[in-house]
N, C-alpha and C. Protein backbone atom coordinates (compact mmCIF):
# COMPACT_ATOMS: atom_id res chain seq x y z
N MET A 1 -10.66 19.53 29.61
CA MET A 1 -11.44 18.88 28.58
C MET A 1 -10.79 19.13 27.22
N LYS A 2 -10.70 18.06 26.41
CA LYS A 2 -10.10 18.16 25.09
C LYS A 2 -11.11 18.67 24.08
N ASN A 3 -10.61 19.52 23.17
CA ASN A 3 -11.48 19.95 22.08
C ASN A 3 -11.32 18.99 20.90
N ARG A 4 -12.12 19.20 19.86
CA ARG A 4 -12.11 18.28 18.72
C ARG A 4 -10.74 18.19 18.07
N VAL A 5 -10.03 19.30 17.97
CA VAL A 5 -8.70 19.30 17.36
C VAL A 5 -7.76 18.38 18.12
N ALA A 6 -7.76 18.46 19.43
CA ALA A 6 -6.89 17.61 20.24
C ALA A 6 -7.27 16.14 20.12
N ILE A 7 -8.56 15.87 20.04
CA ILE A 7 -9.02 14.47 19.94
C ILE A 7 -8.58 13.83 18.63
N TYR A 8 -8.66 14.58 17.53
CA TYR A 8 -8.38 14.00 16.22
C TYR A 8 -7.01 14.34 15.66
N GLN A 9 -6.15 14.93 16.48
CA GLN A 9 -4.84 15.35 15.99
C GLN A 9 -4.00 14.17 15.49
N ARG A 10 -4.00 13.06 16.22
CA ARG A 10 -3.22 11.90 15.80
C ARG A 10 -3.72 11.37 14.47
N GLU A 11 -5.04 11.24 14.32
CA GLU A 11 -5.62 10.74 13.08
C GLU A 11 -5.33 11.69 11.91
N ALA A 12 -5.43 13.00 12.17
CA ALA A 12 -5.16 13.99 11.12
C ALA A 12 -3.70 13.92 10.67
N THR A 13 -2.80 13.80 11.62
CA THR A 13 -1.38 13.68 11.29
C THR A 13 -1.13 12.42 10.47
N GLU A 14 -1.71 11.32 10.89
CA GLU A 14 -1.54 10.06 10.16
C GLU A 14 -2.14 10.14 8.76
N MET A 15 -3.29 10.78 8.64
CA MET A 15 -3.93 10.93 7.33
C MET A 15 -3.03 11.72 6.38
N LEU A 16 -2.50 12.84 6.84
CA LEU A 16 -1.60 13.64 6.00
C LEU A 16 -0.34 12.88 5.63
N GLN A 17 0.18 12.11 6.59
CA GLN A 17 1.37 11.30 6.32
C GLN A 17 1.06 10.26 5.24
N ASN A 18 -0.11 9.63 5.31
CA ASN A 18 -0.48 8.64 4.30
C ASN A 18 -0.64 9.27 2.92
N ILE A 19 -1.23 10.46 2.87
CA ILE A 19 -1.40 11.15 1.58
C ILE A 19 -0.03 11.51 0.99
N ALA A 20 0.90 11.94 1.84
CA ALA A 20 2.23 12.30 1.37
C ALA A 20 3.05 11.09 0.96
N GLN A 21 3.00 10.01 1.75
CA GLN A 21 3.78 8.80 1.46
C GLN A 21 3.27 8.02 0.27
N TYR A 22 1.96 8.00 0.13
CA TYR A 22 1.32 7.16 -0.88
C TYR A 22 0.44 8.03 -1.79
N PRO A 23 1.04 8.83 -2.66
CA PRO A 23 0.23 9.73 -3.50
C PRO A 23 -0.69 8.96 -4.44
N GLY A 24 -1.89 9.50 -4.60
CA GLY A 24 -2.83 8.94 -5.57
C GLY A 24 -3.79 7.92 -5.01
N LEU A 25 -3.98 7.89 -3.70
CA LEU A 25 -4.93 6.93 -3.12
C LEU A 25 -6.35 7.48 -3.21
N THR A 26 -7.31 6.57 -3.17
CA THR A 26 -8.71 6.95 -3.20
C THR A 26 -9.19 7.28 -1.79
N GLU A 27 -10.36 7.89 -1.70
CA GLU A 27 -10.95 8.17 -0.39
C GLU A 27 -11.17 6.88 0.38
N GLU A 28 -11.65 5.85 -0.30
CA GLU A 28 -11.88 4.57 0.37
C GLU A 28 -10.59 4.01 0.96
N GLN A 29 -9.51 4.06 0.21
CA GLN A 29 -8.23 3.57 0.72
C GLN A 29 -7.78 4.37 1.93
N LEU A 30 -7.83 5.69 1.82
CA LEU A 30 -7.37 6.53 2.93
C LEU A 30 -8.20 6.29 4.19
N CYS A 31 -9.48 6.10 4.04
CA CYS A 31 -10.34 5.86 5.20
C CYS A 31 -10.14 4.47 5.79
N ARG A 32 -9.78 3.50 4.98
CA ARG A 32 -9.57 2.14 5.49
C ARG A 32 -8.32 2.02 6.36
N PHE A 33 -7.46 3.02 6.34
CA PHE A 33 -6.32 3.03 7.27
C PHE A 33 -6.79 3.19 8.71
N PHE A 34 -8.04 3.55 8.89
CA PHE A 34 -8.61 3.79 10.22
C PHE A 34 -9.79 2.86 10.46
N PRO A 35 -9.52 1.56 10.69
CA PRO A 35 -10.62 0.62 10.91
C PRO A 35 -11.50 1.09 12.07
N GLU A 36 -12.77 0.98 11.90
CA GLU A 36 -13.78 1.35 12.88
C GLU A 36 -13.84 2.86 13.13
N LYS A 37 -13.09 3.65 12.36
CA LYS A 37 -13.15 5.11 12.46
C LYS A 37 -13.29 5.71 11.05
N GLU A 38 -13.84 4.94 10.13
CA GLU A 38 -13.88 5.38 8.74
C GLU A 38 -14.71 6.65 8.55
N SER A 39 -15.80 6.79 9.29
CA SER A 39 -16.62 8.00 9.15
C SER A 39 -15.85 9.22 9.66
N THR A 40 -15.10 9.07 10.74
CA THR A 40 -14.25 10.14 11.25
C THR A 40 -13.18 10.50 10.22
N ALA A 41 -12.61 9.48 9.58
CA ALA A 41 -11.57 9.71 8.57
C ALA A 41 -12.14 10.50 7.39
N LYS A 42 -13.37 10.21 6.99
CA LYS A 42 -13.99 10.96 5.89
C LYS A 42 -14.16 12.43 6.26
N ILE A 43 -14.56 12.68 7.49
CA ILE A 43 -14.73 14.06 7.95
C ILE A 43 -13.38 14.78 7.96
N LEU A 44 -12.35 14.10 8.46
CA LEU A 44 -11.01 14.71 8.48
C LEU A 44 -10.53 15.02 7.06
N LEU A 45 -10.75 14.09 6.16
CA LEU A 45 -10.32 14.28 4.78
C LEU A 45 -11.04 15.47 4.15
N SER A 46 -12.32 15.59 4.38
CA SER A 46 -13.09 16.72 3.88
C SER A 46 -12.56 18.04 4.45
N HIS A 47 -12.26 18.04 5.73
CA HIS A 47 -11.73 19.24 6.40
C HIS A 47 -10.36 19.62 5.81
N MET A 48 -9.54 18.62 5.54
CA MET A 48 -8.21 18.88 4.97
C MET A 48 -8.31 19.48 3.57
N LEU A 49 -9.30 19.03 2.82
CA LEU A 49 -9.52 19.60 1.49
C LEU A 49 -9.91 21.07 1.59
N LYS A 50 -10.83 21.36 2.51
CA LYS A 50 -11.28 22.75 2.69
C LYS A 50 -10.15 23.66 3.13
N GLU A 51 -9.25 23.13 3.97
CA GLU A 51 -8.12 23.92 4.47
C GLU A 51 -6.98 24.02 3.45
N GLY A 52 -7.03 23.23 2.39
CA GLY A 52 -5.95 23.23 1.40
C GLY A 52 -4.76 22.39 1.82
N ARG A 53 -4.93 21.51 2.80
CA ARG A 53 -3.83 20.67 3.27
C ARG A 53 -3.73 19.39 2.44
N ALA A 54 -4.76 19.11 1.65
CA ALA A 54 -4.76 17.96 0.74
C ALA A 54 -5.44 18.42 -0.55
N TYR A 55 -5.18 17.70 -1.63
CA TYR A 55 -5.71 18.04 -2.94
C TYR A 55 -6.35 16.80 -3.56
N ARG A 56 -7.57 16.96 -4.09
CA ARG A 56 -8.23 15.86 -4.80
C ARG A 56 -8.22 16.20 -6.28
N ALA A 57 -7.59 15.31 -7.05
CA ALA A 57 -7.49 15.52 -8.49
C ALA A 57 -8.81 15.17 -9.18
N ASP A 58 -8.87 15.47 -10.45
CA ASP A 58 -10.07 15.16 -11.24
C ASP A 58 -10.38 13.66 -11.27
N ASN A 59 -9.35 12.83 -11.09
CA ASN A 59 -9.56 11.38 -11.08
C ASN A 59 -10.08 10.88 -9.73
N GLY A 60 -10.30 11.81 -8.77
CA GLY A 60 -10.84 11.43 -7.47
C GLY A 60 -9.79 10.96 -6.48
N ARG A 61 -8.53 10.99 -6.87
CA ARG A 61 -7.45 10.53 -5.99
C ARG A 61 -6.83 11.70 -5.25
N TYR A 62 -6.22 11.40 -4.11
CA TYR A 62 -5.73 12.44 -3.19
C TYR A 62 -4.22 12.57 -3.24
N TYR A 63 -3.79 13.83 -3.13
CA TYR A 63 -2.38 14.18 -3.18
C TYR A 63 -2.12 15.27 -2.17
N ILE A 64 -0.86 15.44 -1.82
CA ILE A 64 -0.49 16.48 -0.87
C ILE A 64 -0.53 17.85 -1.56
N ASN A 65 -0.33 17.87 -2.89
CA ASN A 65 -0.48 19.10 -3.67
C ASN A 65 -0.71 18.74 -5.13
N GLN A 66 -1.00 19.72 -5.97
CA GLN A 66 -1.32 19.47 -7.37
C GLN A 66 -0.15 18.92 -8.16
N GLU A 67 1.06 19.31 -7.84
CA GLU A 67 2.23 18.90 -8.62
C GLU A 67 2.52 17.41 -8.47
N ILE A 68 2.26 16.87 -7.31
CA ILE A 68 2.59 15.47 -7.02
C ILE A 68 1.82 14.51 -7.90
N GLN A 69 0.61 14.85 -8.31
CA GLN A 69 -0.24 13.91 -9.02
C GLN A 69 0.38 13.38 -10.30
N ASN A 70 1.31 14.09 -10.89
CA ASN A 70 1.93 13.63 -12.13
C ASN A 70 2.79 12.39 -11.92
N GLY A 71 3.30 12.16 -10.71
CA GLY A 71 4.17 11.02 -10.46
C GLY A 71 3.47 9.79 -9.91
N ALA A 72 2.18 9.87 -9.66
CA ALA A 72 1.46 8.75 -9.04
C ALA A 72 1.11 7.70 -10.09
N ASP A 73 1.04 6.45 -9.64
CA ASP A 73 0.64 5.39 -10.57
C ASP A 73 -0.25 4.37 -9.88
N ASP A 74 -0.83 3.52 -10.69
CA ASP A 74 -1.79 2.53 -10.19
C ASP A 74 -1.09 1.39 -9.44
N THR A 75 0.19 1.17 -9.70
CA THR A 75 0.92 0.09 -9.04
C THR A 75 0.94 0.29 -7.53
N LEU A 76 1.23 1.49 -7.09
CA LEU A 76 1.23 1.80 -5.66
C LEU A 76 -0.15 1.55 -5.07
N SER A 77 -1.17 1.97 -5.76
CA SER A 77 -2.54 1.79 -5.28
C SER A 77 -2.85 0.30 -5.06
N ARG A 78 -2.43 -0.55 -5.97
CA ARG A 78 -2.65 -2.00 -5.82
C ARG A 78 -1.91 -2.54 -4.61
N CYS A 79 -0.70 -2.07 -4.38
CA CYS A 79 0.07 -2.52 -3.20
C CYS A 79 -0.59 -2.05 -1.91
N ILE A 80 -1.17 -0.87 -1.93
CA ILE A 80 -1.87 -0.36 -0.74
C ILE A 80 -3.10 -1.22 -0.45
N TRP A 81 -3.81 -1.68 -1.48
CA TRP A 81 -4.95 -2.57 -1.24
C TRP A 81 -4.50 -3.83 -0.49
N VAL A 82 -3.31 -4.33 -0.83
CA VAL A 82 -2.78 -5.51 -0.12
C VAL A 82 -2.53 -5.15 1.35
N LEU A 83 -1.87 -4.03 1.59
CA LEU A 83 -1.62 -3.57 2.96
C LEU A 83 -2.94 -3.42 3.72
N LEU A 84 -3.92 -2.80 3.11
CA LEU A 84 -5.21 -2.56 3.78
C LEU A 84 -5.97 -3.85 4.06
N ASP A 85 -5.66 -4.90 3.31
CA ASP A 85 -6.34 -6.17 3.51
C ASP A 85 -6.05 -6.75 4.89
N PHE A 86 -4.91 -6.39 5.47
CA PHE A 86 -4.59 -6.87 6.83
C PHE A 86 -4.15 -5.72 7.75
N ILE A 87 -4.71 -4.53 7.52
CA ILE A 87 -4.30 -3.33 8.27
C ILE A 87 -4.51 -3.46 9.77
N GLU A 88 -5.48 -4.24 10.20
CA GLU A 88 -5.73 -4.36 11.64
C GLU A 88 -4.60 -5.08 12.37
N GLN A 89 -3.78 -5.85 11.65
CA GLN A 89 -2.63 -6.53 12.25
C GLN A 89 -1.34 -5.73 12.09
N VAL A 90 -1.39 -4.63 11.32
CA VAL A 90 -0.19 -3.85 11.00
C VAL A 90 0.16 -2.93 12.17
N GLU A 91 1.42 -3.05 12.59
CA GLU A 91 1.94 -2.22 13.67
C GLU A 91 2.59 -0.95 13.14
N TYR A 92 3.15 -1.04 11.92
CA TYR A 92 3.85 0.09 11.31
C TYR A 92 3.91 -0.15 9.81
N HIS A 93 3.83 0.92 9.03
CA HIS A 93 3.98 0.80 7.57
C HIS A 93 4.64 2.06 7.04
N THR A 94 5.32 1.91 5.90
CA THR A 94 5.98 3.04 5.25
C THR A 94 6.23 2.70 3.80
N ALA A 95 6.50 3.72 3.00
CA ALA A 95 6.85 3.51 1.60
C ALA A 95 8.22 2.85 1.52
N GLY A 96 8.40 1.98 0.55
CA GLY A 96 9.67 1.28 0.38
C GLY A 96 10.51 1.91 -0.72
N GLU A 97 11.63 1.27 -0.99
CA GLU A 97 12.52 1.67 -2.07
C GLU A 97 12.50 0.58 -3.12
N PHE A 98 12.61 0.96 -4.40
CA PHE A 98 12.55 0.00 -5.50
C PHE A 98 13.38 -1.24 -5.20
N PRO A 99 12.81 -2.38 -5.42
CA PRO A 99 11.53 -2.71 -6.04
C PRO A 99 10.37 -2.81 -5.05
N VAL A 100 10.64 -2.57 -3.79
CA VAL A 100 9.61 -2.67 -2.75
C VAL A 100 8.77 -1.39 -2.74
N GLU A 101 7.46 -1.53 -2.83
CA GLU A 101 6.57 -0.36 -2.77
C GLU A 101 6.21 0.00 -1.33
N VAL A 102 5.94 -1.03 -0.51
CA VAL A 102 5.48 -0.79 0.86
C VAL A 102 6.18 -1.76 1.80
N LEU A 103 6.64 -1.26 2.93
CA LEU A 103 7.19 -2.08 4.02
C LEU A 103 6.20 -2.01 5.17
N CYS A 104 6.03 -3.13 5.86
CA CYS A 104 5.17 -3.08 7.04
C CYS A 104 5.57 -4.16 8.03
N PHE A 105 5.29 -3.88 9.29
CA PHE A 105 5.41 -4.87 10.35
C PHE A 105 4.00 -5.29 10.72
N ALA A 106 3.77 -6.59 10.69
CA ALA A 106 2.46 -7.12 11.07
C ALA A 106 2.70 -8.38 11.88
N ASN A 107 2.07 -8.45 13.02
CA ASN A 107 2.23 -9.61 13.90
C ASN A 107 3.70 -9.90 14.19
N GLY A 108 4.49 -8.84 14.36
CA GLY A 108 5.91 -8.99 14.70
C GLY A 108 6.80 -9.42 13.55
N GLN A 109 6.30 -9.43 12.33
CA GLN A 109 7.06 -9.89 11.16
C GLN A 109 7.17 -8.74 10.15
N LEU A 110 8.34 -8.61 9.52
CA LEU A 110 8.53 -7.61 8.48
C LEU A 110 8.05 -8.19 7.15
N TYR A 111 7.21 -7.42 6.46
CA TYR A 111 6.73 -7.79 5.12
C TYR A 111 7.11 -6.69 4.14
N GLU A 112 7.48 -7.11 2.94
CA GLU A 112 7.78 -6.19 1.86
C GLU A 112 6.79 -6.49 0.73
N ILE A 113 6.04 -5.48 0.34
CA ILE A 113 5.05 -5.65 -0.72
C ILE A 113 5.70 -5.18 -2.02
N VAL A 114 5.84 -6.13 -2.96
CA VAL A 114 6.58 -5.91 -4.19
C VAL A 114 5.69 -6.18 -5.41
N PRO A 115 5.50 -5.19 -6.26
CA PRO A 115 4.74 -5.43 -7.49
C PRO A 115 5.65 -5.97 -8.59
N ILE A 116 5.15 -6.92 -9.35
CA ILE A 116 5.88 -7.41 -10.51
C ILE A 116 4.95 -7.32 -11.72
N PRO A 117 5.12 -6.26 -12.52
CA PRO A 117 4.27 -6.10 -13.70
C PRO A 117 4.60 -7.15 -14.76
N ARG A 118 3.62 -7.46 -15.58
CA ARG A 118 3.82 -8.39 -16.69
C ARG A 118 4.96 -7.88 -17.57
N GLY A 119 5.86 -8.79 -17.93
CA GLY A 119 7.00 -8.45 -18.76
C GLY A 119 8.26 -8.10 -17.97
N LYS A 120 8.14 -7.92 -16.66
CA LYS A 120 9.29 -7.57 -15.82
C LYS A 120 9.69 -8.73 -14.90
N GLU A 121 9.12 -9.91 -15.13
CA GLU A 121 9.35 -11.05 -14.24
C GLU A 121 10.83 -11.41 -14.12
N THR A 122 11.52 -11.57 -15.24
CA THR A 122 12.92 -12.01 -15.22
C THR A 122 13.81 -11.00 -14.51
N MET A 123 13.66 -9.74 -14.87
CA MET A 123 14.50 -8.70 -14.26
C MET A 123 14.29 -8.63 -12.74
N LEU A 124 13.04 -8.62 -12.31
CA LEU A 124 12.78 -8.48 -10.88
C LEU A 124 13.12 -9.75 -10.11
N CYS A 125 12.97 -10.91 -10.72
CA CYS A 125 13.40 -12.16 -10.05
C CYS A 125 14.90 -12.12 -9.79
N GLN A 126 15.67 -11.68 -10.79
CA GLN A 126 17.12 -11.59 -10.61
C GLN A 126 17.46 -10.63 -9.46
N LEU A 127 16.80 -9.50 -9.43
CA LEU A 127 17.05 -8.51 -8.40
C LEU A 127 16.65 -9.03 -7.01
N LEU A 128 15.52 -9.69 -6.92
CA LEU A 128 15.02 -10.15 -5.62
C LEU A 128 15.72 -11.42 -5.12
N ARG A 129 16.47 -12.09 -5.98
CA ARG A 129 17.24 -13.27 -5.55
C ARG A 129 18.53 -12.88 -4.84
N LEU A 130 18.99 -11.64 -5.04
CA LEU A 130 20.23 -11.20 -4.39
C LEU A 130 20.03 -11.19 -2.89
N PRO A 131 21.05 -11.64 -2.13
CA PRO A 131 20.91 -11.65 -0.67
C PRO A 131 20.68 -10.24 -0.14
N GLN A 132 19.73 -10.10 0.75
CA GLN A 132 19.40 -8.81 1.33
C GLN A 132 19.52 -8.90 2.84
N LYS A 133 20.22 -7.95 3.43
CA LYS A 133 20.35 -7.92 4.88
C LYS A 133 19.01 -7.49 5.48
N ASP A 134 18.58 -8.19 6.50
CA ASP A 134 17.34 -7.88 7.22
C ASP A 134 16.11 -7.84 6.32
N ALA A 135 16.11 -8.65 5.26
CA ALA A 135 14.96 -8.68 4.36
C ALA A 135 13.78 -9.36 5.05
N GLY A 136 12.61 -8.87 4.75
CA GLY A 136 11.39 -9.45 5.29
C GLY A 136 10.82 -10.47 4.33
N LYS A 137 9.66 -10.95 4.67
CA LYS A 137 8.94 -11.86 3.78
C LYS A 137 8.29 -11.02 2.69
N LEU A 138 8.32 -11.56 1.48
CA LEU A 138 7.77 -10.82 0.36
C LEU A 138 6.31 -11.19 0.11
N LEU A 139 5.51 -10.19 -0.13
CA LEU A 139 4.16 -10.34 -0.67
C LEU A 139 4.26 -9.79 -2.09
N VAL A 140 4.16 -10.66 -3.07
CA VAL A 140 4.37 -10.29 -4.47
C VAL A 140 3.03 -10.03 -5.14
N VAL A 141 2.87 -8.82 -5.66
CA VAL A 141 1.64 -8.43 -6.34
C VAL A 141 1.88 -8.58 -7.84
N VAL A 142 1.10 -9.46 -8.47
CA VAL A 142 1.22 -9.70 -9.91
C VAL A 142 -0.03 -9.19 -10.62
N ASP A 143 0.13 -8.95 -11.93
CA ASP A 143 -1.01 -8.48 -12.72
C ASP A 143 -2.08 -9.57 -12.84
N ASP A 144 -1.62 -10.82 -13.02
CA ASP A 144 -2.56 -11.94 -13.03
C ASP A 144 -1.84 -13.21 -12.56
N ALA A 145 -2.62 -14.17 -12.11
CA ALA A 145 -2.08 -15.38 -11.48
C ALA A 145 -1.20 -16.20 -12.42
N GLU A 146 -1.36 -16.05 -13.72
CA GLU A 146 -0.55 -16.81 -14.68
C GLU A 146 0.94 -16.47 -14.57
N GLN A 147 1.28 -15.31 -14.05
CA GLN A 147 2.68 -14.90 -13.90
C GLN A 147 3.41 -15.72 -12.84
N ILE A 148 2.70 -16.24 -11.88
CA ILE A 148 3.32 -16.86 -10.70
C ILE A 148 4.26 -17.99 -11.07
N ASP A 149 3.90 -18.81 -12.05
CA ASP A 149 4.76 -19.93 -12.44
C ASP A 149 6.12 -19.46 -12.96
N ALA A 150 6.20 -18.26 -13.47
CA ALA A 150 7.46 -17.73 -14.01
C ALA A 150 8.34 -17.10 -12.93
N LEU A 151 7.87 -17.07 -11.69
CA LEU A 151 8.61 -16.39 -10.62
C LEU A 151 9.26 -17.38 -9.68
N ASP A 152 10.55 -17.16 -9.41
CA ASP A 152 11.30 -17.96 -8.45
C ASP A 152 12.05 -16.99 -7.54
N ILE A 153 11.38 -16.65 -6.43
CA ILE A 153 11.92 -15.63 -5.53
C ILE A 153 11.95 -16.19 -4.11
N PRO A 154 13.13 -16.22 -3.46
CA PRO A 154 13.19 -16.71 -2.08
C PRO A 154 12.46 -15.78 -1.12
N HIS A 155 12.08 -16.31 0.01
CA HIS A 155 11.43 -15.56 1.10
C HIS A 155 10.07 -14.98 0.71
N THR A 156 9.40 -15.64 -0.24
CA THR A 156 8.08 -15.17 -0.66
C THR A 156 7.02 -15.79 0.24
N ALA A 157 6.29 -14.94 0.94
CA ALA A 157 5.20 -15.42 1.81
C ALA A 157 3.99 -15.78 0.97
N GLY A 158 3.79 -15.10 -0.14
CA GLY A 158 2.66 -15.38 -1.01
C GLY A 158 2.62 -14.42 -2.17
N PHE A 159 1.74 -14.77 -3.10
CA PHE A 159 1.51 -13.96 -4.28
C PHE A 159 0.07 -13.47 -4.22
N CYS A 160 -0.21 -12.36 -4.88
CA CYS A 160 -1.59 -11.89 -4.89
C CYS A 160 -1.88 -11.08 -6.13
N THR A 161 -3.16 -11.02 -6.44
CA THR A 161 -3.67 -10.15 -7.48
C THR A 161 -4.66 -9.20 -6.81
N VAL A 162 -4.87 -8.06 -7.43
CA VAL A 162 -5.80 -7.07 -6.88
C VAL A 162 -6.78 -6.69 -7.99
N ALA A 163 -8.06 -6.90 -7.72
CA ALA A 163 -9.12 -6.54 -8.67
C ALA A 163 -9.32 -5.03 -8.66
N ALA A 164 -10.01 -4.53 -9.66
CA ALA A 164 -10.26 -3.09 -9.79
C ALA A 164 -10.98 -2.51 -8.57
N ASP A 165 -11.80 -3.34 -7.90
CA ASP A 165 -12.54 -2.85 -6.73
C ASP A 165 -11.73 -2.96 -5.43
N GLY A 166 -10.46 -3.40 -5.53
CA GLY A 166 -9.60 -3.51 -4.35
C GLY A 166 -9.61 -4.87 -3.69
N THR A 167 -10.36 -5.83 -4.22
CA THR A 167 -10.40 -7.17 -3.66
C THR A 167 -9.06 -7.87 -3.94
N VAL A 168 -8.47 -8.41 -2.88
CA VAL A 168 -7.17 -9.07 -2.99
C VAL A 168 -7.38 -10.58 -2.96
N SER A 169 -6.75 -11.27 -3.92
CA SER A 169 -6.78 -12.74 -3.97
C SER A 169 -5.36 -13.23 -3.77
N TYR A 170 -5.20 -14.21 -2.86
CA TYR A 170 -3.87 -14.71 -2.51
C TYR A 170 -3.63 -16.08 -3.13
N TYR A 171 -2.32 -16.33 -3.42
CA TYR A 171 -1.91 -17.59 -4.04
C TYR A 171 -0.59 -18.02 -3.40
N ARG A 172 -0.37 -19.34 -3.42
CA ARG A 172 0.93 -19.90 -3.03
C ARG A 172 1.35 -20.88 -4.10
N LYS A 173 2.64 -20.96 -4.29
CA LYS A 173 3.16 -21.94 -5.25
C LYS A 173 3.16 -23.31 -4.58
N GLU A 174 2.81 -24.31 -5.34
CA GLU A 174 2.89 -25.67 -4.85
C GLU A 174 4.36 -26.09 -4.84
N ALA A 175 4.75 -26.86 -3.83
CA ALA A 175 6.13 -27.34 -3.74
C ALA A 175 6.40 -28.29 -4.90
N GLY A 176 7.54 -28.11 -5.56
CA GLY A 176 7.90 -28.96 -6.69
C GLY A 176 8.31 -30.35 -6.24
N ILE A 177 8.17 -31.29 -7.14
CA ILE A 177 8.52 -32.69 -6.81
C ILE A 177 9.92 -32.96 -7.30
């Protein structure tokens, strides 16, 4: 017979990995990585805090330790909301390398979640136009929908904005005439 530790070991390992890979996530975000097990995820997170395996900062966000919190930003959090919007179809996810924040496989397809902050459109468009070996489809996270007209990036599956509450809105560019 398995004890509680053996039953939840996979979830606990995944939770710690998510906290380490994606510093600064909220409790809601961390729990949404476990669809239909969110209450279990909350219990695991609470247990990890008590054991000192995770740290919750004054802003309510989670980190692997106190030092890491200085490097976290809201851009990653917005990209995670996009990932969580279709987490049930995700087979694998990991942190990306600039300019990609998150890489994931969903429904057998590679997706790269890329944030483009206001004022960085030209620079990031130039960078993302360069041919990339084994590049996936891009999900571009913008600050607001008005930025989309200024972006010309190949292999873009769609554009999105993320509201403060984590609601993701998707957009596509109309084909030019």
